[in-house]
Every structure is written in structure tokens, then in C-alpha cells.
Amino acid sequence: MKSLILIFISLFTFNKVSPAQEIDWRKTKNWKVYYIVDREAMKVSTDSLKFMKGKSIHMDSIVSYLSSASLWPSDKKAVWMGAYTLTYEFNSGQFRKLLASSYGGFIYDSDSKQYYEIDERKKNDWQDFLLSQLSRD
């Protein structure tokens, strides 16, 4: 009986204390941005992106913006007015898709289903950065 109570308390505590886990952006690599925007960005699957040509993004640049991004509370809603498509890999090799709002300064990791908000002081630079990555040769 004691062990059953202990298990119950442990499960309750774990579920109560364990929030959505933030991504450690420093443990990512092979960032790419694709000229797949707006509604198409939402439709294309992560697996399909593996076979599409994207433009590489320098790791230090992307991490400088994302490292200060904050995880949104689950009750906060996003309003999409346009999006850019990015992909990255974890050092373990897991390939993931990220959608970046073209207006709102937020991003959405489609695998973890988590939203992050770019630091308010960096939002304009973030938008300029994404546009510059898409427009370069």
C-alpha cells in the first residue's frame, strides 16, 4: 500500500511540475530556410522537406535569436498572417520543421507543437534576418 501511494504521489508531482520542455537551440545544427511561405508552409510535411532544396543558415546567427525566445503558455493563441519554413536537426540527427511567423515574432516547432516568442528587442531584426536569408543567392 505504501508503494502504491508513493507511485501515485510521484506521478502527480511529475505531471504537475513538469512543464513543456524548452528546446536547447545550441544542440541543433544544419539549419535551412525554404522559399515555402504562408499557407504552403503549413501544409508541407517535415519528411517532404528532407528532399527539398533549402538555403543554409549559419548556426550562430539563428541561435543568437532563438536562445532568448520564450516558451508561450499553452493557453496563448497564435494568429498566423504568414509564415516562413525552416528546418533543423538535433545533434542526435532528429530532423524537425519550424514555422516562423512573418509578422508576429513567434515560431512554432511542429514536432513538439510548442510556440516560442522572439525577444521583443530582437523581433524586427529577426524578421529582417529571415527575409535576408530567403533573398540571398
Foldseek 3Di string as FASTA:
>chain_A
DVVVVVVVVVVVCCVVVPDQDDDPLVQKDFKWWAPQKDPRQVVDDQVVVVPDDTFTDDSVVVCVFPVPWAWDDPPDDDDAPMWIWMWIAGNVGRIWIKIAHLPQQKIATVVSRTIIHTPPVCSVVVNVVSVVRVPDD
